PDB file of N, CA and C in Angstrom:
ATOM      1  N   MET A   1      83.198  91.330 112.365  1.00  0.00           N
ATOM      2  CA  MET A   1      82.956  92.067 113.577  1.00  0.00           C
ATOM      3  C   MET A   1      81.947  91.305 114.433  1.00  0.00           C
ATOM      4  N   ASN A   2      82.190  91.246 115.735  1.00  0.00           N
ATOM      5  CA  ASN A   2      81.298  90.551 116.652  1.00  0.00           C
ATOM      6  C   ASN A   2      80.168  91.460 117.100  1.00  0.00           C
ATOM      7  N   ILE A   3      79.023  90.871 117.344  1.00  0.00           N
ATOM      8  CA  ILE A   3      77.873  91.616 117.843  1.00  0.00           C
ATOM      9  C   ILE A   3      77.720  91.293 119.324  1.00  0.00           C
ATOM     10  N   VAL A   4      77.514  92.323 120.126  1.00  0.00           N
ATOM     11  CA  VAL A   4      77.360  92.155 121.565  1.00  0.00           C
ATOM     12  C   VAL A   4      75.941  92.549 121.949  1.00  0.00           C
ATOM     13  N   GLU A   5      75.280  91.687 122.686  1.00  0.00           N
ATOM     14  CA  GLU A   5      73.923  91.954 123.151  1.00  0.00           C
ATOM     15  C   GLU A   5      73.972  92.594 124.542  1.00  0.00           C
ATOM     16  N   PRO A   6      73.053  93.514 124.838  1.00  0.00           N
ATOM     17  CA  PRO A   6      73.033  94.120 126.172  1.00  0.00           C
ATOM     18  C   PRO A   6      72.532  93.132 127.221  1.00  0.00           C
ATOM     19  N   ILE A   7      72.891  93.385 128.457  1.00  0.00           N
ATOM     20  CA  ILE A   7      72.392  92.584 129.572  1.00  0.00           C
ATOM     21  C   ILE A   7      71.021  93.149 129.924  1.00  0.00           C
ATOM     22  N   ARG A   8      69.994  92.330 129.809  1.00  0.00           N
ATOM     23  CA  ARG A   8      68.632  92.824 129.991  1.00  0.00           C
ATOM     24  C   ARG A   8      67.995  92.412 131.317  1.00  0.00           C
ATOM     25  N   GLN A   9      68.479  91.358 131.914  1.00  0.00           N
ATOM     26  CA  GLN A   9      67.863  90.849 133.139  1.00  0.00           C
ATOM     27  C   GLN A   9      68.561  91.403 134.382  1.00  0.00           C
ATOM     28  N   LYS A  10      67.774  91.866 135.340  1.00  0.00           N
ATOM     29  CA  LYS A  10      68.353  92.382 136.586  1.00  0.00           C
ATOM     30  C   LYS A  10      69.111  91.305 137.333  1.00  0.00           C
ATOM     31  N   ARG A  11      68.621  90.068 137.271  1.00  0.00           N
ATOM     32  CA  ARG A  11      69.303  88.990 137.997  1.00  0.00           C
ATOM     33  C   ARG A  11      70.697  88.743 137.424  1.00  0.00           C
ATOM     34  N   ASP A  12      70.877  88.937 136.108  1.00  0.00           N
ATOM     35  CA  ASP A  12      72.200  88.791 135.513  1.00  0.00           C
ATOM     36  C   ASP A  12      73.148  89.880 136.006  1.00  0.00           C
ATOM     37  N   LEU A  13      72.625  91.097 136.131  1.00  0.00           N
ATOM     38  CA  LEU A  13      73.441  92.193 136.664  1.00  0.00           C
ATOM     39  C   LEU A  13      73.864  91.899 138.095  1.00  0.00           C
ATOM     40  N   LYS A  14      72.936  91.393 138.897  1.00  0.00           N
ATOM     41  CA  LYS A  14      73.244  91.077 140.292  1.00  0.00           C
ATOM     42  C   LYS A  14      74.295  89.970 140.393  1.00  0.00           C
ATOM     43  N   ARG A  15      74.214  88.989 139.505  1.00  0.00           N
ATOM     44  CA  ARG A  15      75.215  87.911 139.498  1.00  0.00           C
ATOM     45  C   ARG A  15      76.601  88.462 139.198  1.00  0.00           C
ATOM     46  N   ILE A  16      76.674  89.323 138.191  1.00  0.00           N
ATOM     47  CA  ILE A  16      77.963  89.921 137.822  1.00  0.00           C
ATOM     48  C   ILE A  16      78.499  90.750 138.985  1.00  0.00           C
ATOM     49  N   GLU A  17      77.628  91.531 139.617  1.00  0.00           N
ATOM     50  CA  GLU A  17      78.053  92.350 140.753  1.00  0.00           C
ATOM     51  C   GLU A  17      78.579  91.482 141.898  1.00  0.00           C
ATOM     52  N   ARG A  18      77.925  90.355 142.156  1.00  0.00           N
ATOM     53  CA  ARG A  18      78.368  89.449 143.218  1.00  0.00           C
ATOM     54  C   ARG A  18      79.769  88.910 142.935  1.00  0.00           C
ATOM     55  N   VAL A  19      80.003  88.505 141.688  1.00  0.00           N
ATOM     56  CA  VAL A  19      81.319  87.971 141.321  1.00  0.00           C
ATOM     57  C   VAL A  19      82.385  89.053 141.424  1.00  0.00           C
ATOM     58  N   LEU A  20      82.081  90.244 140.930  1.00  0.00           N
ATOM     59  CA  LEU A  20      83.056  91.331 140.976  1.00  0.00           C
ATOM     60  C   LEU A  20      83.355  91.757 142.411  1.00  0.00           C
ATOM     61  N   LYS A  21      82.352  91.711 143.275  1.00  0.00           N
ATOM     62  CA  LYS A  21      82.559  92.089 144.674  1.00  0.00           C
ATOM     63  C   LYS A  21      83.548  91.150 145.355  1.00  0.00           C
ATOM     64  N   LYS A  22      83.489  89.870 145.007  1.00  0.00           N
ATOM     65  CA  LYS A  22      84.425  88.897 145.578  1.00  0.00           C
ATOM     66  C   LYS A  22      85.826  89.071 145.009  1.00  0.00           C
ATOM     67  N   GLN A  23      85.932  89.466 143.735  1.00  0.00           N
ATOM     68  CA  GLN A  23      87.227  89.509 143.061  1.00  0.00           C
ATOM     69  C   GLN A  23      87.950  90.831 143.248  1.00  0.00           C
ATOM     70  N   ASN A  24      87.270  91.929 142.895  1.00  0.00           N
ATOM     71  CA  ASN A  24      87.976  93.199 142.845  1.00  0.00           C
ATOM     72  C   ASN A  24      86.971  94.350 142.981  1.00  0.00           C
ATOM     73  N   LEU A  25      87.086  95.132 144.028  1.00  0.00           N
ATOM     74  CA  LEU A  25      86.136  96.221 144.258  1.00  0.00           C
ATOM     75  C   LEU A  25      86.261  97.328 143.209  1.00  0.00           C
ATOM     76  N   ARG A  26      87.455  97.519 142.675  1.00  0.00           N
ATOM     77  CA  ARG A  26      87.632  98.536 141.634  1.00  0.00           C
ATOM     78  C   ARG A  26      86.810  98.185 140.399  1.00  0.00           C
ATOM     79  N   ASP A  27      86.851  96.918 140.005  1.00  0.00           N
ATOM     80  CA  ASP A  27      86.081  96.484 138.848  1.00  0.00           C
ATOM     81  C   ASP A  27      84.584  96.596 139.114  1.00  0.00           C
ATOM     82  N   LEU A  28      84.164  96.309 140.347  1.00  0.00           N
ATOM     83  CA  LEU A  28      82.753  96.471 140.715  1.00  0.00           C
ATOM     84  C   LEU A  28      82.339  97.929 140.575  1.00  0.00           C
ATOM     85  N   LEU A  29      83.181  98.831 141.031  1.00  0.00           N
ATOM     86  CA  LEU A  29      82.889 100.261 140.918  1.00  0.00           C
ATOM     87  C   LEU A  29      82.749 100.676 139.458  1.00  0.00           C
ATOM     88  N   LEU A  30      83.684 100.254 138.617  1.00  0.00           N
ATOM     89  CA  LEU A  30      83.624 100.611 137.199  1.00  0.00           C
ATOM     90  C   LEU A  30      82.387 100.019 136.530  1.00  0.00           C
ATOM     91  N   PHE A  31      82.047  98.789 136.872  1.00  0.00           N
ATOM     92  CA  PHE A  31      80.859  98.152 136.317  1.00  0.00           C
ATOM     93  C   PHE A  31      79.594  98.893 136.745  1.00  0.00           C
ATOM     94  N   THR A  32      79.526  99.250 138.027  1.00  0.00           N
ATOM     95  CA  THR A  32      78.350  99.943 138.553  1.00  0.00           C
ATOM     96  C   THR A  32      78.178 101.311 137.904  1.00  0.00           C
ATOM     97  N   VAL A  33      79.247 102.041 137.783  1.00  0.00           N
ATOM     98  CA  VAL A  33      79.176 103.356 137.125  1.00  0.00           C
ATOM     99  C   VAL A  33      78.757 103.186 135.668  1.00  0.00           C
ATOM    100  N   GLY A  34      79.341 102.206 135.005  1.00  0.00           N
ATOM    101  CA  GLY A  34      79.000 101.981 133.598  1.00  0.00           C
ATOM    102  C   GLY A  34      77.565 101.590 133.383  1.00  0.00           C
ATOM    103  N   THR A  35      77.007 100.773 134.257  1.00  0.00           N
ATOM    104  CA  THR A  35      75.618 100.335 134.076  1.00  0.00           C
ATOM    105  C   THR A  35      74.624 101.403 134.490  1.00  0.00           C
ATOM    106  N   ASN A  36      75.025 102.305 135.373  1.00  0.00           N
ATOM    107  CA  ASN A  36      74.090 103.321 135.868  1.00  0.00           C
ATOM    108  C   ASN A  36      74.134 104.640 135.091  1.00  0.00           C
ATOM    109  N   CYS A  37      75.161 104.870 134.317  1.00  0.00           N
ATOM    110  CA  CYS A  37      75.254 106.173 133.635  1.00  0.00           C
ATOM    111  C   CYS A  37      74.449 106.216 132.338  1.00  0.00           C
ATOM    112  N   GLY A  38      74.162 105.063 131.748  1.00  0.00           N
ATOM    113  CA  GLY A  38      73.282 105.031 130.594  1.00  0.00           C
ATOM    114  C   GLY A  38      73.907 105.511 129.292  1.00  0.00           C
ATOM    115  N   LEU A  39      75.212 105.564 129.195  1.00  0.00           N
ATOM    116  CA  LEU A  39      75.864 105.967 127.953  1.00  0.00           C
ATOM    117  C   LEU A  39      75.734 104.850 126.906  1.00  0.00           C
ATOM    118  N   ARG A  40      75.605 105.265 125.661  1.00  0.00           N
ATOM    119  CA  ARG A  40      75.557 104.291 124.568  1.00  0.00           C
ATOM    120  C   ARG A  40      76.613 104.674 123.546  1.00  0.00           C
ATOM    121  N   PHE A  41      77.346 103.677 123.107  1.00  0.00           N
ATOM    122  CA  PHE A  41      78.368 103.905 122.092  1.00  0.00           C
ATOM    123  C   PHE A  41      77.926 103.252 120.793  1.00  0.00           C
ATOM    124  N   THR A  42      78.118 103.942 119.712  1.00  0.00           N
ATOM    125  CA  THR A  42      77.754 103.383 118.413  1.00  0.00           C
ATOM    126  C   THR A  42      78.952 103.313 117.504  1.00  0.00           C
TER     127      THR A  42
END
């Protein structure tokens, strides 16, 4: 099983948002909702 580390730096989040904004607004929306809702899965 692979281990995934959380994104901890705000600048990394901004970079991802910039790329998603250029590619697909739907994916940007899903990413933004996912990062802002604070849900954790175990």
